[in-house]
Amino acid sequence: MGLRIKKGDTALVISGKNKGKSGRVLSVLPAKERVIVEGLNIVKKHMKPNKQYTQGGIIEKEAPIHISNVMLICPKCSKPTRIGTTVYDDGKKMRTCKKCKEVID
């Protein structure tokens, strides 16, 4: 089954240490069923010096969160919602908000 949350969506964390916080989805990892949310689930990582981090040291970065622990925030009604799918006559399948029934781009 495909993942219903996509890159660029706004998601709310519903369980874990970041419960109640929301942010923009930076990337989706479908094989692991995880998402990376901007500014949430920050971990410290020890990095060797390389081209990107010339000095190296301890950096902070976002770690993946399981997709079952986040919920999409509908851009129309601004509420956390489940996502349904609607198949239109021309064969297109669109994501819809279960609360306001609006199409999510």
C-alpha atoms as a PDB file:
ATOM      1  CA  MET A   1       0.000   0.000   0.000  1.00  0.00           C
ATOM      2  CA  GLY A   2       1.327   3.443  -0.888  1.00  0.00           C
ATOM      3  CA  LEU A   3       2.141   6.022   1.723  1.00  0.00           C
ATOM      4  CA  ARG A   4      -0.425   8.777   2.061  1.00  0.00           C
ATOM      5  CA  ILE A   5       1.975  11.466   3.269  1.00  0.00           C
ATOM      6  CA  LYS A   6       4.162  13.132   0.655  1.00  0.00           C
ATOM      7  CA  LYS A   7       7.162  15.449   0.599  1.00  0.00           C
ATOM      8  CA  GLY A   8       6.142  19.057   1.278  1.00  0.00           C
ATOM      9  CA  ASP A   9       3.047  18.197   3.355  1.00  0.00           C
ATOM     10  CA  THR A  10       2.621  19.570   6.867  1.00  0.00           C
ATOM     11  CA  ALA A  11       2.497  16.789   9.447  1.00  0.00           C
ATOM     12  CA  LEU A  12       1.656  16.606  13.160  1.00  0.00           C
ATOM     13  CA  VAL A  13       3.446  14.125  15.436  1.00  0.00           C
ATOM     14  CA  ILE A  14       0.817  12.168  17.406  1.00  0.00           C
ATOM     15  CA  SER A  15       3.071  10.036  19.619  1.00  0.00           C
ATOM     16  CA  GLY A  16       6.607   9.940  20.968  1.00  0.00           C
ATOM     17  CA  LYS A  17       8.889  12.580  22.442  1.00  0.00           C
ATOM     18  CA  ASN A  18       7.802  15.229  19.902  1.00  0.00           C
ATOM     19  CA  LYS A  19       4.044  14.678  20.395  1.00  0.00           C
ATOM     20  CA  GLY A  20       1.977  17.739  19.506  1.00  0.00           C
ATOM     21  CA  LYS A  21       4.634  19.413  17.338  1.00  0.00           C
ATOM     22  CA  SER A  22       4.246  19.904  13.616  1.00  0.00           C
ATOM     23  CA  GLY A  23       6.515  20.632  10.676  1.00  0.00           C
ATOM     24  CA  ARG A  24       7.033  20.268   6.947  1.00  0.00           C
ATOM     25  CA  VAL A  25       7.893  16.796   5.596  1.00  0.00           C
ATOM     26  CA  LEU A  26      11.411  16.950   4.113  1.00  0.00           C
ATOM     27  CA  SER A  27      11.534  13.409   2.735  1.00  0.00           C
ATOM     28  CA  VAL A  28       9.653  10.122   2.733  1.00  0.00           C
ATOM     29  CA  LEU A  29      11.376   6.732   3.040  1.00  0.00           C
ATOM     30  CA  PRO A  30       8.789   4.266   1.641  1.00  0.00           C
ATOM     31  CA  ALA A  31      10.907   1.131   2.108  1.00  0.00           C
ATOM     32  CA  LYS A  32      11.232   1.800   5.839  1.00  0.00           C
ATOM     33  CA  GLU A  33       7.764   3.440   6.201  1.00  0.00           C
ATOM     34  CA  ARG A  34       9.317   6.544   7.751  1.00  0.00           C
ATOM     35  CA  VAL A  35       9.269  10.300   7.184  1.00  0.00           C
ATOM     36  CA  ILE A  36      11.721  13.069   8.073  1.00  0.00           C
ATOM     37  CA  VAL A  37       9.962  16.147   9.484  1.00  0.00           C
ATOM     38  CA  GLU A  38      11.702  19.532   9.553  1.00  0.00           C
ATOM     39  CA  GLY A  39      12.896  20.521  13.028  1.00  0.00           C
ATOM     40  CA  LEU A  40      11.578  17.412  14.793  1.00  0.00           C
ATOM     41  CA  ASN A  41      13.237  14.283  16.238  1.00  0.00           C
ATOM     42  CA  ILE A  42      16.622  16.010  16.418  1.00  0.00           C
ATOM     43  CA  VAL A  43      19.577  13.702  17.145  1.00  0.00           C
ATOM     44  CA  LYS A  44      23.277  14.422  17.640  1.00  0.00           C
ATOM     45  CA  LYS A  45      25.622  12.764  15.181  1.00  0.00           C
ATOM     46  CA  HIS A  46      29.419  12.559  15.341  1.00  0.00           C
ATOM     47  CA  MET A  47      30.843  13.503  11.936  1.00  0.00           C
ATOM     48  CA  LYS A  48      34.370  13.155  10.605  1.00  0.00           C
ATOM     49  CA  PRO A  49      35.674  16.139   8.657  1.00  0.00           C
ATOM     50  CA  ASN A  50      34.641  15.992   4.994  1.00  0.00           C
ATOM     51  CA  LYS A  51      33.767  18.419   2.191  1.00  0.00           C
ATOM     52  CA  GLN A  52      30.372  19.320   3.670  1.00  0.00           C
ATOM     53  CA  TYR A  53      31.573  19.547   7.304  1.00  0.00           C
ATOM     54  CA  THR A  54      35.161  20.793   7.054  1.00  0.00           C
ATOM     55  CA  GLN A  55      35.679  20.902  10.809  1.00  0.00           C
ATOM     56  CA  GLY A  56      33.711  17.774  11.713  1.00  0.00           C
ATOM     57  CA  GLY A  57      32.484  17.315  15.288  1.00  0.00           C
ATOM     58  CA  ILE A  58      28.996  16.832  16.706  1.00  0.00           C
ATOM     59  CA  ILE A  59      26.135  18.030  14.508  1.00  0.00           C
ATOM     60  CA  GLU A  60      22.375  17.988  15.065  1.00  0.00           C
ATOM     61  CA  LYS A  61      20.078  16.639  12.358  1.00  0.00           C
ATOM     62  CA  GLU A  62      16.543  15.315  11.904  1.00  0.00           C
ATOM     63  CA  ALA A  63      16.025  11.572  12.275  1.00  0.00           C
ATOM     64  CA  PRO A  64      13.211   9.582  10.613  1.00  0.00           C
ATOM     65  CA  ILE A  65       9.855   9.085  12.387  1.00  0.00           C
ATOM     66  CA  HIS A  66       7.601   6.102  11.677  1.00  0.00           C
ATOM     67  CA  ILE A  67       4.709   7.065   9.399  1.00  0.00           C
ATOM     68  CA  SER A  68       2.130   5.745  11.880  1.00  0.00           C
ATOM     69  CA  ASN A  69       3.270   8.367  14.405  1.00  0.00           C
ATOM     70  CA  VAL A  70       2.490  11.357  12.166  1.00  0.00           C
ATOM     71  CA  MET A  71      -0.786  12.721  10.848  1.00  0.00           C
ATOM     72  CA  LEU A  72      -1.331  15.020   7.870  1.00  0.00           C
ATOM     73  CA  ILE A  73      -2.594  18.547   8.573  1.00  0.00           C
ATOM     74  CA  CYS A  74      -5.171  19.496   5.948  1.00  0.00           C
ATOM     75  CA  PRO A  75      -4.162  22.740   4.176  1.00  0.00           C
ATOM     76  CA  LYS A  76      -7.839  23.751   3.760  1.00  0.00           C
ATOM     77  CA  CYS A  77      -9.274  23.195   7.278  1.00  0.00           C
ATOM     78  CA  SER A  78      -5.915  23.292   9.172  1.00  0.00           C
ATOM     79  CA  LYS A  79      -6.822  20.233  11.258  1.00  0.00           C
ATOM     80  CA  PRO A  80      -4.984  16.912  11.605  1.00  0.00           C
ATOM     81  CA  THR A  81      -6.870  14.403   9.513  1.00  0.00           C
ATOM     82  CA  ARG A  82      -6.843  10.952   8.026  1.00  0.00           C
ATOM     83  CA  ILE A  83      -6.505  10.746   4.260  1.00  0.00           C
ATOM     84  CA  GLY A  84      -8.948   9.131   1.887  1.00  0.00           C
ATOM     85  CA  THR A  85      -8.693   8.580  -1.841  1.00  0.00           C
ATOM     86  CA  THR A  86     -11.247   9.466  -4.477  1.00  0.00           C
ATOM     87  CA  VAL A  87     -11.148   8.079  -8.019  1.00  0.00           C
ATOM     88  CA  TYR A  88     -12.583  10.478 -10.593  1.00  0.00           C
ATOM     89  CA  ASP A  89     -14.203   9.658 -13.949  1.00  0.00           C
ATOM     90  CA  ASP A  90     -11.022  10.366 -15.901  1.00  0.00           C
ATOM     91  CA  GLY A  91      -9.182   7.730 -13.813  1.00  0.00           C
ATOM     92  CA  LYS A  92      -7.228  10.115 -11.609  1.00  0.00           C
ATOM     93  CA  LYS A  93      -6.856   9.130  -7.974  1.00  0.00           C
ATOM     94  CA  MET A  94      -6.696  12.106  -5.593  1.00  0.00           C
ATOM     95  CA  ARG A  95      -6.046  12.382  -1.845  1.00  0.00           C
ATOM     96  CA  THR A  96      -8.955  13.850   0.122  1.00  0.00           C
ATOM     97  CA  CYS A  97      -9.370  15.131   3.670  1.00  0.00           C
ATOM     98  CA  LYS A  98     -11.696  12.939   5.748  1.00  0.00           C
ATOM     99  CA  LYS A  99     -12.950  15.967   7.741  1.00  0.00           C
ATOM    100  CA  CYS A 100     -13.718  18.635   5.121  1.00  0.00           C
ATOM    101  CA  LYS A 101     -13.825  16.337   2.032  1.00  0.00           C
ATOM    102  CA  GLU A 102     -11.510  18.717   0.111  1.00  0.00           C
ATOM    103  CA  VAL A 103      -8.895  17.497  -2.378  1.00  0.00           C
ATOM    104  CA  ILE A 104      -5.299  17.702  -1.089  1.00  0.00           C
ATOM    105  CA  ASP A 105      -2.759  18.670  -3.775  1.00  0.00           C
END
